[in-house]
């Protein structure tokens, strides 16, 4: 039933103004609209996300959203120049080298936003 529908992420922010600035300054993403429920962002391919205010931000121990990349290494380098800090992992099934993990046919890197939410960027090889 929902297999042909567009989907978007909802990302929590303890401080909506701080988060809005972070997404603009670090990721270069500008909002499409600001509504009572939060800030709406449109991204490529008809995707996007809602940034909404809640005291529960940054509590999920998992990735909340992933950005697709055609060159994850170049994107990681560019984002680092903007001040994005990438996570390093070394656990069974997941080891990053210089912030990037090779997972079968995919390379991926993880970072946290200003609210402590875990986001990722990945590339299908």
PDB file of N, CA and C in Angstrom:
ATOM      1  N   UNK A   1       0.797  -1.198   0.000  1.00  0.00           N
ATOM      2  CA  UNK A   1       0.000   0.000   0.000  1.00  0.00           C
ATOM      3  C   UNK A   1       0.845   1.270   0.000  1.00  0.00           C
ATOM      4  N   UNK A   2       1.894   1.311   0.800  1.00  0.00           N
ATOM      5  CA  UNK A   2       2.712   2.524   0.894  1.00  0.00           C
ATOM      6  C   UNK A   2       3.984   2.458   0.052  1.00  0.00           C
ATOM      7  N   UNK A   3       4.179   1.383  -0.678  1.00  0.00           N
ATOM      8  CA  UNK A   3       5.444   1.178  -1.387  1.00  0.00           C
ATOM      9  C   UNK A   3       5.747   2.221  -2.459  1.00  0.00           C
ATOM     10  N   UNK A   4       4.768   2.936  -2.944  1.00  0.00           N
ATOM     11  CA  UNK A   4       5.022   3.945  -3.978  1.00  0.00           C
ATOM     12  C   UNK A   4       4.948   5.377  -3.435  1.00  0.00           C
ATOM     13  N   UNK A   5       4.798   5.500  -2.141  1.00  0.00           N
ATOM     14  CA  UNK A   5       4.667   6.824  -1.527  1.00  0.00           C
ATOM     15  C   UNK A   5       6.031   7.404  -1.170  1.00  0.00           C
ATOM     16  N   UNK A   6       6.129   8.735  -1.256  1.00  0.00           N
ATOM     17  CA  UNK A   6       7.341   9.399  -0.775  1.00  0.00           C
ATOM     18  C   UNK A   6       7.368   9.314   0.744  1.00  0.00           C
ATOM     19  N   UNK A   7       8.563   9.353   1.304  1.00  0.00           N
ATOM     20  CA  UNK A   7       8.716   9.308   2.743  1.00  0.00           C
ATOM     21  C   UNK A   7       9.692  10.394   3.156  1.00  0.00           C
ATOM     22  N   UNK A   8       9.513  10.924   4.341  1.00  0.00           N
ATOM     23  CA  UNK A   8      10.455  11.908   4.853  1.00  0.00           C
ATOM     24  C   UNK A   8      10.752  11.604   6.310  1.00  0.00           C
ATOM     25  N   UNK A   9      11.904  12.065   6.762  1.00  0.00           N
ATOM     26  CA  UNK A   9      12.323  11.848   8.146  1.00  0.00           C
ATOM     27  C   UNK A   9      11.794  12.975   9.028  1.00  0.00           C
ATOM     28  N   UNK A  10      11.612  12.683  10.296  1.00  0.00           N
ATOM     29  CA  UNK A  10      11.322  13.700  11.292  1.00  0.00           C
ATOM     30  C   UNK A  10      12.475  13.679  12.286  1.00  0.00           C
ATOM     31  N   UNK A  11      13.119  14.825  12.430  1.00  0.00           N
ATOM     32  CA  UNK A  11      14.343  14.916  13.231  1.00  0.00           C
ATOM     33  C   UNK A  11      14.098  15.854  14.412  1.00  0.00           C
ATOM     34  N   UNK A  12      14.328  15.383  15.635  1.00  0.00           N
ATOM     35  CA  UNK A  12      14.060  16.196  16.814  1.00  0.00           C
ATOM     36  C   UNK A  12      15.160  17.231  17.077  1.00  0.00           C
ATOM     37  N   UNK A  13      14.747  18.353  17.661  1.00  0.00           N
ATOM     38  CA  UNK A  13      15.688  19.411  18.029  1.00  0.00           C
ATOM     39  C   UNK A  13      15.292  19.976  19.387  1.00  0.00           C
ATOM     40  N   UNK A  14      16.214  19.958  20.329  1.00  0.00           N
ATOM     41  CA  UNK A  14      15.957  20.567  21.635  1.00  0.00           C
ATOM     42  C   UNK A  14      15.930  22.083  21.504  1.00  0.00           C
ATOM     43  N   UNK A  15      16.762  22.609  20.609  1.00  0.00           N
ATOM     44  CA  UNK A  15      16.820  24.051  20.345  1.00  0.00           C
ATOM     45  C   UNK A  15      16.656  24.229  18.836  1.00  0.00           C
ATOM     46  N   UNK A  16      15.455  24.545  18.411  1.00  0.00           N
ATOM     47  CA  UNK A  16      15.131  24.609  16.982  1.00  0.00           C
ATOM     48  C   UNK A  16      15.949  25.669  16.249  1.00  0.00           C
ATOM     49  N   UNK A  17      16.166  26.823  16.861  1.00  0.00           N
ATOM     50  CA  UNK A  17      16.971  27.865  16.209  1.00  0.00           C
ATOM     51  C   UNK A  17      18.415  27.413  16.020  1.00  0.00           C
ATOM     52  N   UNK A  18      18.996  26.800  17.034  1.00  0.00           N
ATOM     53  CA  UNK A  18      20.372  26.289  16.935  1.00  0.00           C
ATOM     54  C   UNK A  18      20.461  25.227  15.836  1.00  0.00           C
ATOM     55  N   UNK A  19      19.492  24.316  15.817  1.00  0.00           N
ATOM     56  CA  UNK A  19      19.494  23.245  14.815  1.00  0.00           C
ATOM     57  C   UNK A  19      19.336  23.817  13.410  1.00  0.00           C
ATOM     58  N   UNK A  20      18.441  24.771  13.231  1.00  0.00           N
ATOM     59  CA  UNK A  20      18.241  25.396  11.913  1.00  0.00           C
ATOM     60  C   UNK A  20      19.552  26.024  11.431  1.00  0.00           C
ATOM     61  N   UNK A  21      20.245  26.730  12.304  1.00  0.00           N
ATOM     62  CA  UNK A  21      21.545  27.327  11.930  1.00  0.00           C
ATOM     63  C   UNK A  21      22.563  26.244  11.567  1.00  0.00           C
ATOM     64  N   UNK A  22      22.599  25.162  12.346  1.00  0.00           N
ATOM     65  CA  UNK A  22      23.566  24.092  12.100  1.00  0.00           C
ATOM     66  C   UNK A  22      23.336  23.459  10.723  1.00  0.00           C
ATOM     67  N   UNK A  23      22.091  23.151  10.404  1.00  0.00           N
ATOM     68  CA  UNK A  23      21.797  22.543   9.107  1.00  0.00           C
ATOM     69  C   UNK A  23      22.154  23.496   7.961  1.00  0.00           C
ATOM     70  N   UNK A  24      21.958  24.775   8.159  1.00  0.00           N
ATOM     71  CA  UNK A  24      22.317  25.770   7.133  1.00  0.00           C
ATOM     72  C   UNK A  24      23.831  25.900   7.009  1.00  0.00           C
ATOM     73  N   UNK A  25      24.512  26.102   8.129  1.00  0.00           N
ATOM     74  CA  UNK A  25      25.955  26.360   8.105  1.00  0.00           C
ATOM     75  C   UNK A  25      26.786  25.122   7.799  1.00  0.00           C
ATOM     76  N   UNK A  26      26.444  24.008   8.390  1.00  0.00           N
ATOM     77  CA  UNK A  26      27.263  22.798   8.237  1.00  0.00           C
ATOM     78  C   UNK A  26      26.902  21.975   7.003  1.00  0.00           C
ATOM     79  N   UNK A  27      25.610  21.847   6.709  1.00  0.00           N
ATOM     80  CA  UNK A  27      25.188  21.000   5.590  1.00  0.00           C
ATOM     81  C   UNK A  27      24.761  21.798   4.369  1.00  0.00           C
ATOM     82  N   UNK A  28      24.612  23.109   4.519  1.00  0.00           N
ATOM     83  CA  UNK A  28      24.217  23.947   3.387  1.00  0.00           C
ATOM     84  C   UNK A  28      22.772  23.742   2.962  1.00  0.00           C
ATOM     85  N   UNK A  29      21.916  23.383   3.910  1.00  0.00           N
ATOM     86  CA  UNK A  29      20.514  23.113   3.609  1.00  0.00           C
ATOM     87  C   UNK A  29      19.652  24.258   4.151  1.00  0.00           C
ATOM     88  N   UNK A  30      18.854  24.843   3.275  1.00  0.00           N
ATOM     89  CA  UNK A  30      17.938  25.916   3.673  1.00  0.00           C
ATOM     90  C   UNK A  30      16.522  25.362   3.768  1.00  0.00           C
ATOM     91  N   UNK A  31      15.748  25.830   4.731  1.00  0.00           N
ATOM     92  CA  UNK A  31      14.380  25.338   4.862  1.00  0.00           C
ATOM     93  C   UNK A  31      13.472  25.864   3.757  1.00  0.00           C
ATOM     94  N   UNK A  32      12.487  25.062   3.414  1.00  0.00           N
ATOM     95  CA  UNK A  32      11.457  25.479   2.469  1.00  0.00           C
ATOM     96  C   UNK A  32      10.392  26.294   3.181  1.00  0.00           C
ATOM     97  N   UNK A  33      10.062  25.885   4.403  1.00  0.00           N
ATOM     98  CA  UNK A  33       8.991  26.551   5.132  1.00  0.00           C
ATOM     99  C   UNK A  33       9.175  26.355   6.631  1.00  0.00           C
ATOM    100  N   UNK A  34       8.634  27.304   7.367  1.00  0.00           N
ATOM    101  CA  UNK A  34       8.563  27.181   8.815  1.00  0.00           C
ATOM    102  C   UNK A  34       7.090  27.200   9.186  1.00  0.00           C
ATOM    103  N   UNK A  35       6.665  26.155   9.874  1.00  0.00           N
ATOM    104  CA  UNK A  35       5.269  26.002  10.245  1.00  0.00           C
ATOM    105  C   UNK A  35       5.187  25.748  11.745  1.00  0.00           C
ATOM    106  N   UNK A  36       4.016  25.809  12.319  1.00  0.00           N
ATOM    107  CA  UNK A  36       3.901  25.566  13.765  1.00  0.00           C
ATOM    108  C   UNK A  36       4.491  24.231  14.216  1.00  0.00           C
ATOM    109  N   UNK A  37       4.431  23.216  13.348  1.00  0.00           N
ATOM    110  CA  UNK A  37       4.966  21.905  13.736  1.00  0.00           C
ATOM    111  C   UNK A  37       6.480  21.836  13.634  1.00  0.00           C
ATOM    112  N   UNK A  38       7.117  22.768  12.912  1.00  0.00           N
ATOM    113  CA  UNK A  38       8.565  22.765  12.786  1.00  0.00           C
ATOM    114  C   UNK A  38       9.040  23.360  11.479  1.00  0.00           C
ATOM    115  N   UNK A  39      10.276  23.041  11.122  1.00  0.00           N
ATOM    116  CA  UNK A  39      10.926  23.566   9.934  1.00  0.00           C
ATOM    117  C   UNK A  39      10.982  22.453   8.892  1.00  0.00           C
ATOM    118  N   UNK A  40      10.517  22.749   7.669  1.00  0.00           N
ATOM    119  CA  UNK A  40      10.436  21.754   6.609  1.00  0.00           C
ATOM    120  C   UNK A  40      11.548  21.986   5.595  1.00  0.00           C
ATOM    121  N   UNK A  41      12.251  20.901   5.266  1.00  0.00           N
ATOM    122  CA  UNK A  41      13.343  20.938   4.297  1.00  0.00           C
ATOM    123  C   UNK A  41      13.007  20.031   3.128  1.00  0.00           C
ATOM    124  N   UNK A  42      13.241  20.514   1.920  1.00  0.00           N
ATOM    125  CA  UNK A  42      13.117  19.697   0.714  1.00  0.00           C
ATOM    126  C   UNK A  42      14.510  19.335   0.236  1.00  0.00           C
ATOM    127  N   UNK A  43      14.687  18.083  -0.148  1.00  0.00           N
ATOM    128  CA  UNK A  43      15.962  17.597  -0.648  1.00  0.00           C
ATOM    129  C   UNK A  43      15.744  16.971  -2.019  1.00  0.00           C
ATOM    130  N   UNK A  44      16.761  16.356  -2.565  1.00  0.00           N
ATOM    131  CA  UNK A  44      16.692  15.771  -3.894  1.00  0.00           C
ATOM    132  C   UNK A  44      15.702  14.643  -4.018  1.00  0.00           C
ATOM    133  N   UNK A  45      15.214  14.457  -5.237  1.00  0.00           N
ATOM    134  CA  UNK A  45      14.357  13.327  -5.550  1.00  0.00           C
ATOM    135  C   UNK A  45      13.014  13.334  -4.839  1.00  0.00           C
ATOM    136  N   UNK A  46      12.548  14.498  -4.433  1.00  0.00           N
ATOM    137  CA  UNK A  46      11.264  14.576  -3.753  1.00  0.00           C
ATOM    138  C   UNK A  46      11.302  14.145  -2.299  1.00  0.00           C
ATOM    139  N   UNK A  47      12.491  14.085  -1.718  1.00  0.00           N
ATOM    140  CA  UNK A  47      12.638  13.703  -0.315  1.00  0.00           C
ATOM    141  C   UNK A  47      12.804  14.956   0.540  1.00  0.00           C
ATOM    142  N   UNK A  48      12.866  14.766   1.831  1.00  0.00           N
ATOM    143  CA  UNK A  48      13.060  15.883   2.738  1.00  0.00           C
ATOM    144  C   UNK A  48      12.924  15.440   4.175  1.00  0.00           C
ATOM    145  N   UNK A  49      12.868  16.431   5.066  1.00  0.00           N
ATOM    146  CA  UNK A  49      12.689  16.118   6.478  1.00  0.00           C
ATOM    147  C   UNK A  49      12.049  17.286   7.203  1.00  0.00           C
ATOM    148  N   UNK A  50      11.501  16.962   8.362  1.00  0.00           N
ATOM    149  CA  UNK A  50      10.922  17.939   9.268  1.00  0.00           C
ATOM    150  C   UNK A  50      11.815  18.008  10.491  1.00  0.00           C
ATOM    151  N   UNK A  51      12.229  19.193  10.849  1.00  0.00           N
ATOM    152  CA  UNK A  51      12.982  19.442  12.072  1.00  0.00           C
ATOM    153  C   UNK A  51      11.984  20.008  13.066  1.00  0.00           C
ATOM    154  N   UNK A  52      11.764  19.318  14.178  1.00  0.00           N
ATOM    155  CA  UNK A  52      10.726  19.744  15.114  1.00  0.00           C
ATOM    156  C   UNK A  52      11.274  19.854  16.532  1.00  0.00           C
ATOM    157  N   UNK A  53      10.653  20.701  17.303  1.00  0.00           N
ATOM    158  CA  UNK A  53      11.101  20.982  18.663  1.00  0.00           C
ATOM    159  C   UNK A  53      10.588  19.942  19.650  1.00  0.00           C
ATOM    160  N   UNK A  54      11.510  19.400  20.453  1.00  0.00           N
ATOM    161  CA  UNK A  54      11.167  18.445  21.499  1.00  0.00           C
ATOM    162  C   UNK A  54      12.352  18.338  22.459  1.00  0.00           C
ATOM    163  N   UNK A  55      12.093  18.122  23.732  1.00  0.00           N
ATOM    164  CA  UNK A  55      13.208  17.927  24.676  1.00  0.00           C
ATOM    165  C   UNK A  55      13.869  16.554  24.534  1.00  0.00           C
ATOM    166  N   UNK A  56      13.336  15.687  23.678  1.00  0.00           N
ATOM    167  CA  UNK A  56      13.855  14.329  23.519  1.00  0.00           C
ATOM    168  C   UNK A  56      14.938  14.193  22.452  1.00  0.00           C
ATOM    169  N   UNK A  57      15.399  15.285  21.900  1.00  0.00           N
ATOM    170  CA  UNK A  57      16.401  15.236  20.824  1.00  0.00           C
ATOM    171  C   UNK A  57      17.691  14.583  21.302  1.00  0.00           C
ATOM    172  N   UNK A  58      18.348  13.904  20.367  1.00  0.00           N
ATOM    173  CA  UNK A  58      19.662  13.334  20.634  1.00  0.00           C
ATOM    174  C   UNK A  58      19.661  12.089  21.489  1.00  0.00           C
ATOM    175  N   UNK A  59      18.524  11.504  21.743  1.00  0.00           N
ATOM    176  CA  UNK A  59      18.461  10.334  22.614  1.00  0.00           C
ATOM    177  C   UNK A  59      18.443   9.012  21.871  1.00  0.00           C
ATOM    178  N   UNK A  60      18.200   9.040  20.566  1.00  0.00           N
ATOM    179  CA  UNK A  60      18.171   7.787  19.798  1.00  0.00           C
ATOM    180  C   UNK A  60      19.603   7.291  19.579  1.00  0.00           C
ATOM    181  N   UNK A  61      19.876   6.031  19.884  1.00  0.00           N
ATOM    182  CA  UNK A  61      21.230   5.498  19.705  1.00  0.00           C
ATOM    183  C   UNK A  61      21.494   5.005  18.285  1.00  0.00           C
ATOM    184  N   UNK A  62      20.583   5.303  17.377  1.00  0.00           N
ATOM    185  CA  UNK A  62      20.675   4.792  16.005  1.00  0.00           C
ATOM    186  C   UNK A  62      20.636   5.945  15.003  1.00  0.00           C
ATOM    187  N   UNK A  63      20.926   5.625  13.769  1.00  0.00           N
ATOM    188  CA  UNK A  63      20.882   6.603  12.684  1.00  0.00           C
ATOM    189  C   UNK A  63      19.441   7.019  12.434  1.00  0.00           C
ATOM    190  N   UNK A  64      19.190   8.332  12.403  1.00  0.00           N
ATOM    191  CA  UNK A  64      17.834   8.841  12.156  1.00  0.00           C
ATOM    192  C   UNK A  64      17.562   9.097  10.688  1.00  0.00           C
ATOM    193  N   UNK A  65      18.590   9.463   9.942  1.00  0.00           N
ATOM    194  CA  UNK A  65      18.409   9.759   8.520  1.00  0.00           C
ATOM    195  C   UNK A  65      19.748   9.591   7.816  1.00  0.00           C
ATOM    196  N   UNK A  66      19.679   9.239   6.533  1.00  0.00           N
ATOM    197  CA  UNK A  66      20.889   9.053   5.725  1.00  0.00           C
ATOM    198  C   UNK A  66      20.777   9.855   4.439  1.00  0.00           C
ATOM    199  N   UNK A  67      21.863  10.471   4.064  1.00  0.00           N
ATOM    200  CA  UNK A  67      21.961  11.200   2.808  1.00  0.00           C
ATOM    201  C   UNK A  67      22.683  10.320   1.800  1.00  0.00           C
ATOM    202  N   UNK A  68      22.189  10.253   0.589  1.00  0.00           N
ATOM    203  CA  UNK A  68      22.832   9.487  -0.478  1.00  0.00           C
ATOM    204  C   UNK A  68      23.955  10.315  -1.080  1.00  0.00           C
ATOM    205  N   UNK A  69      25.040   9.657  -1.442  1.00  0.00           N
ATOM    206  CA  UNK A  69      26.209  10.327  -2.002  1.00  0.00           C
ATOM    207  C   UNK A  69      26.674   9.602  -3.255  1.00  0.00           C
ATOM    208  N   UNK A  70      27.257  10.344  -4.165  1.00  0.00           N
ATOM    209  CA  UNK A  70      27.893   9.715  -5.322  1.00  0.00           C
ATOM    210  C   UNK A  70      29.400   9.597  -5.098  1.00  0.00           C
ATOM    211  N   UNK A  71      29.926  10.286  -4.079  1.00  0.00           N
ATOM    212  CA  UNK A  71      31.347  10.223  -3.718  1.00  0.00           C
ATOM    213  C   UNK A  71      31.466  10.536  -2.236  1.00  0.00           C
ATOM    214  N   UNK A  72      31.295   9.509  -1.399  1.00  0.00           N
ATOM    215  CA  UNK A  72      31.255   9.724   0.044  1.00  0.00           C
ATOM    216  C   UNK A  72      32.565  10.313   0.569  1.00  0.00           C
ATOM    217  N   UNK A  73      33.692   9.917   0.010  1.00  0.00           N
ATOM    218  CA  UNK A  73      34.977  10.462   0.496  1.00  0.00           C
ATOM    219  C   UNK A  73      35.076  11.961   0.239  1.00  0.00           C
ATOM    220  N   UNK A  74      34.669  12.388  -0.939  1.00  0.00           N
ATOM    221  CA  UNK A  74      34.692  13.822  -1.255  1.00  0.00           C
ATOM    222  C   UNK A  74      33.701  14.580  -0.382  1.00  0.00           C
ATOM    223  N   UNK A  75      32.526  13.993  -0.156  1.00  0.00           N
ATOM    224  CA  UNK A  75      31.532  14.659   0.688  1.00  0.00           C
ATOM    225  C   UNK A  75      32.005  14.762   2.135  1.00  0.00           C
ATOM    226  N   UNK A  76      32.628  13.717   2.653  1.00  0.00           N
ATOM    227  CA  UNK A  76      33.153  13.762   4.018  1.00  0.00           C
ATOM    228  C   UNK A  76      34.218  14.859   4.125  1.00  0.00           C
ATOM    229  N   UNK A  77      35.104  14.941   3.149  1.00  0.00           N
ATOM    230  CA  UNK A  77      36.139  15.982   3.153  1.00  0.00           C
ATOM    231  C   UNK A  77      35.500  17.371   3.136  1.00  0.00           C
ATOM    232  N   UNK A  78      34.521  17.567   2.279  1.00  0.00           N
ATOM    233  CA  UNK A  78      33.855  18.881   2.181  1.00  0.00           C
ATOM    234  C   UNK A  78      33.105  19.221   3.464  1.00  0.00           C
ATOM    235  N   UNK A  79      32.424  18.249   4.049  1.00  0.00           N
ATOM    236  CA  UNK A  79      31.695  18.510   5.284  1.00  0.00           C
ATOM    237  C   UNK A  79      32.637  18.792   6.447  1.00  0.00           C
ATOM    238  N   UNK A  80      33.757  18.116   6.493  1.00  0.00           N
ATOM    239  CA  UNK A  80      34.754  18.398   7.539  1.00  0.00           C
ATOM    240  C   UNK A  80      35.240  19.844   7.444  1.00  0.00           C
ATOM    241  N   UNK A  81      35.413  20.339   6.236  1.00  0.00           N
ATOM    242  CA  UNK A  81      35.836  21.729   6.059  1.00  0.00           C
ATOM    243  C   UNK A  81      34.792  22.699   6.608  1.00  0.00           C
ATOM    244  N   UNK A  82      33.539  22.262   6.682  1.00  0.00           N
ATOM    245  CA  UNK A  82      32.455  23.092   7.228  1.00  0.00           C
ATOM    246  C   UNK A  82      32.286  22.882   8.726  1.00  0.00           C
ATOM    247  N   UNK A  83      33.128  22.017   9.305  1.00  0.00           N
ATOM    248  CA  UNK A  83      33.083  21.800  10.745  1.00  0.00           C
ATOM    249  C   UNK A  83      32.315  20.585  11.215  1.00  0.00           C
ATOM    250  N   UNK A  84      31.873  19.728  10.298  1.00  0.00           N
ATOM    251  CA  UNK A  84      31.169  18.508  10.687  1.00  0.00           C
ATOM    252  C   UNK A  84      32.198  17.503  11.212  1.00  0.00           C
ATOM    253  N   UNK A  85      31.898  16.907  12.359  1.00  0.00           N
ATOM    254  CA  UNK A  85      32.783  15.922  12.983  1.00  0.00           C
ATOM    255  C   UNK A  85      32.190  14.537  12.751  1.00  0.00           C
ATOM    256  N   UNK A  86      32.983  13.647  12.182  1.00  0.00           N
ATOM    257  CA  UNK A  86      32.513  12.298  11.881  1.00  0.00           C
ATOM    258  C   UNK A  86      32.857  11.348  13.021  1.00  0.00           C
ATOM    259  N   UNK A  87      31.956  10.416  13.242  1.00  0.00           N
ATOM    260  CA  UNK A  87      32.100   9.423  14.298  1.00  0.00           C
ATOM    261  C   UNK A  87      33.088   8.340  13.857  1.00  0.00           C
ATOM    262  N   UNK A  88      33.768   7.775  14.825  1.00  0.00           N
ATOM    263  CA  UNK A  88      34.645   6.631  14.580  1.00  0.00           C
ATOM    264  C   UNK A  88      34.064   5.441  15.325  1.00  0.00           C
ATOM    265  N   UNK A  89      33.905   4.328  14.626  1.00  0.00           N
ATOM    266  CA  UNK A  89      33.362   3.119  15.227  1.00  0.00           C
ATOM    267  C   UNK A  89      34.347   1.972  15.047  1.00  0.00           C
ATOM    268  N   UNK A  90      34.444   1.122  16.058  1.00  0.00           N
ATOM    269  CA  UNK A  90      35.246  -0.090  15.989  1.00  0.00           C
ATOM    270  C   UNK A  90      34.539  -1.144  16.826  1.00  0.00           C
ATOM    271  N   UNK A  91      33.658  -1.876  16.165  1.00  0.00           N
ATOM    272  CA  UNK A  91      32.885  -2.915  16.835  1.00  0.00           C
ATOM    273  C   UNK A  91      32.659  -4.045  15.837  1.00  0.00           C
ATOM    274  N   UNK A  92      32.246  -5.189  16.295  1.00  0.00           N
ATOM    275  CA  UNK A  92      31.991  -6.286  15.357  1.00  0.00           C
ATOM    276  C   UNK A  92      31.011  -5.864  14.262  1.00  0.00           C
ATOM    277  N   UNK A  93      31.432  -6.016  13.021  1.00  0.00           N
ATOM    278  CA  UNK A  93      30.592  -5.692  11.881  1.00  0.00           C
ATOM    279  C   UNK A  93      30.643  -4.240  11.430  1.00  0.00           C
ATOM    280  N   UNK A  94      31.324  -3.388  12.181  1.00  0.00           N
ATOM    281  CA  UNK A  94      31.402  -1.969  11.798  1.00  0.00           C
ATOM    282  C   UNK A  94      32.698  -1.357  12.290  1.00  0.00           C
ATOM    283  N   UNK A  95      33.560  -1.023  11.342  1.00  0.00           N
ATOM    284  CA  UNK A  95      34.815  -0.342  11.673  1.00  0.00           C
ATOM    285  C   UNK A  95      35.012   0.778  10.673  1.00  0.00           C
ATOM    286  N   UNK A  96      35.195   1.977  11.180  1.00  0.00           N
ATOM    287  CA  UNK A  96      35.472   3.113  10.309  1.00  0.00           C
ATOM    288  C   UNK A  96      36.973   3.346  10.232  1.00  0.00           C
ATOM    289  N   UNK A  97      37.403   3.845   9.093  1.00  0.00           N
ATOM    290  CA  UNK A  97      38.783   4.279   8.902  1.00  0.00           C
ATOM    291  C   UNK A  97      38.689   5.704   8.387  1.00  0.00           C
ATOM    292  N   UNK A  98      39.227   6.631   9.157  1.00  0.00           N
ATOM    293  CA  UNK A  98      39.102   8.057   8.845  1.00  0.00           C
ATOM    294  C   UNK A  98      37.634   8.456   8.671  1.00  0.00           C
ATOM    295  N   UNK A  99      36.774   7.867   9.522  1.00  0.00           N
ATOM    296  CA  UNK A  99      35.363   8.217   9.537  1.00  0.00           C
ATOM    297  C   UNK A  99      34.478   7.467   8.565  1.00  0.00           C
ATOM    298  N   UNK A 100      35.052   6.625   7.715  1.00  0.00           N
ATOM    299  CA  UNK A 100      34.266   5.945   6.678  1.00  0.00           C
ATOM    300  C   UNK A 100      34.352   4.432   6.859  1.00  0.00           C
ATOM    301  N   UNK A 101      33.210   3.778   6.767  1.00  0.00           N
ATOM    302  CA  UNK A 101      33.155   2.324   6.855  1.00  0.00           C
ATOM    303  C   UNK A 101      32.797   1.748   5.496  1.00  0.00           C
ATOM    304  N   UNK A 102      33.392   0.611   5.172  1.00  0.00           N
ATOM    305  CA  UNK A 102      33.022  -0.137   3.975  1.00  0.00           C
ATOM    306  C   UNK A 102      32.153  -1.295   4.419  1.00  0.00           C
ATOM    307  N   UNK A 103      30.915  -1.299   3.939  1.00  0.00           N
ATOM    308  CA  UNK A 103      29.935  -2.305   4.360  1.00  0.00           C
ATOM    309  C   UNK A 103      29.445  -3.046   3.131  1.00  0.00           C
ATOM    310  N   UNK A 104      30.135  -4.091   2.761  1.00  0.00           N
ATOM    311  CA  UNK A 104      29.754  -4.820   1.554  1.00  0.00           C
ATOM    312  C   UNK A 104      29.874  -3.923   0.342  1.00  0.00           C
ATOM    313  N   UNK A 105      28.772  -3.646  -0.309  1.00  0.00           N
ATOM    314  CA  UNK A 105      28.793  -2.799  -1.490  1.00  0.00           C
ATOM    315  C   UNK A 105      28.483  -1.339  -1.211  1.00  0.00           C
ATOM    316  N   UNK A 106      28.666  -0.906   0.044  1.00  0.00           N
ATOM    317  CA  UNK A 106      28.331   0.467   0.415  1.00  0.00           C
ATOM    318  C   UNK A 106      29.406   1.051   1.314  1.00  0.00           C
ATOM    319  N   UNK A 107      29.728   2.323   1.098  1.00  0.00           N
ATOM    320  CA  UNK A 107      30.593   3.081   2.000  1.00  0.00           C
ATOM    321  C   UNK A 107      29.718   4.074   2.738  1.00  0.00           C
ATOM    322  N   UNK A 108      29.969   4.257   4.032  1.00  0.00           N
ATOM    323  CA  UNK A 108      29.124   5.143   4.814  1.00  0.00           C
ATOM    324  C   UNK A 108      29.929   5.826   5.905  1.00  0.00           C
ATOM    325  N   UNK A 109      29.441   6.984   6.327  1.00  0.00           N
ATOM    326  CA  UNK A 109      30.047   7.752   7.408  1.00  0.00           C
ATOM    327  C   UNK A 109      28.921   8.344   8.251  1.00  0.00           C
ATOM    328  N   UNK A 110      29.162   8.476   9.545  1.00  0.00           N
ATOM    329  CA  UNK A 110      28.152   8.964  10.469  1.00  0.00           C
ATOM    330  C   UNK A 110      28.637  10.212  11.185  1.00  0.00           C
ATOM    331  N   UNK A 111      27.698  11.110  11.473  1.00  0.00           N
ATOM    332  CA  UNK A 111      28.000  12.342  12.206  1.00  0.00           C
ATOM    333  C   UNK A 111      26.783  12.729  13.021  1.00  0.00           C
ATOM    334  N   UNK A 112      27.006  13.599  14.004  1.00  0.00           N
ATOM    335  CA  UNK A 112      25.907  14.080  14.829  1.00  0.00           C
ATOM    336  C   UNK A 112      25.610  15.531  14.496  1.00  0.00           C
ATOM    337  N   UNK A 113      24.330  15.875  14.534  1.00  0.00           N
ATOM    338  CA  UNK A 113      23.950  17.267  14.336  1.00  0.00           C
ATOM    339  C   UNK A 113      24.112  18.035  15.651  1.00  0.00           C
ATOM    340  N   UNK A 114      23.700  19.275  15.670  1.00  0.00           N
ATOM    341  CA  UNK A 114      23.855  20.114  16.860  1.00  0.00           C
ATOM    342  C   UNK A 114      23.048  19.593  18.044  1.00  0.00           C
ATOM    343  N   UNK A 115      22.082  18.733  17.793  1.00  0.00           N
ATOM    344  CA  UNK A 115      21.206  18.224  18.840  1.00  0.00           C
ATOM    345  C   UNK A 115      21.614  16.840  19.331  1.00  0.00           C
ATOM    346  N   UNK A 116      22.677  16.279  18.746  1.00  0.00           N
ATOM    347  CA  UNK A 116      23.137  14.946  19.132  1.00  0.00           C
ATOM    348  C   UNK A 116      22.492  13.820  18.351  1.00  0.00           C
ATOM    349  N   UNK A 117      21.702  14.150  17.328  1.00  0.00           N
ATOM    350  CA  UNK A 117      21.092  13.126  16.484  1.00  0.00           C
ATOM    351  C   UNK A 117      22.130  12.538  15.535  1.00  0.00           C
ATOM    352  N   UNK A 118      22.080  11.239  15.331  1.00  0.00           N
ATOM    353  CA  UNK A 118      23.021  10.573  14.447  1.00  0.00           C
ATOM    354  C   UNK A 118      22.466  10.570  13.021  1.00  0.00           C
ATOM    355  N   UNK A 119      23.261  11.119  12.113  1.00  0.00           N
ATOM    356  CA  UNK A 119      22.931  11.155  10.682  1.00  0.00           C
ATOM    357  C   UNK A 119      24.038  10.424   9.933  1.00  0.00           C
ATOM    358  N   UNK A 120      23.758  10.023   8.708  1.00  0.00           N
ATOM    359  CA  UNK A 120      24.755   9.305   7.914  1.00  0.00           C
ATOM    360  C   UNK A 120      24.770   9.834   6.490  1.00  0.00           C
ATOM    361  N   UNK A 121      25.885   9.538   5.834  1.00  0.00           N
ATOM    362  CA  UNK A 121      26.002   9.785   4.410  1.00  0.00           C
ATOM    363  C   UNK A 121      26.585   8.512   3.818  1.00  0.00           C
ATOM    364  N   UNK A 122      26.011   8.035   2.717  1.00  0.00           N
ATOM    365  CA  UNK A 122      26.455   6.763   2.175  1.00  0.00           C
ATOM    366  C   UNK A 122      26.448   6.730   0.659  1.00  0.00           C
ATOM    367  N   UNK A 123      27.227   5.811   0.149  1.00  0.00           N
ATOM    368  CA  UNK A 123      27.402   5.650  -1.307  1.00  0.00           C
ATOM    369  C   UNK A 123      27.330   4.184  -1.657  1.00  0.00           C
ATOM    370  N   UNK A 124      26.478   3.846  -2.591  1.00  0.00           N
ATOM    371  CA  UNK A 124      26.425   2.485  -3.130  1.00  0.00           C
ATOM    372  C   UNK A 124      27.573   2.337  -4.116  1.00  0.00           C
ATOM    373  N   UNK A 125      28.382   1.290  -3.982  1.00  0.00           N
ATOM    374  CA  UNK A 125      29.490   1.074  -4.909  1.00  0.00           C
ATOM    375  C   UNK A 125      29.050   0.246  -6.091  1.00  0.00           C
TER     376      UNK A 125
END
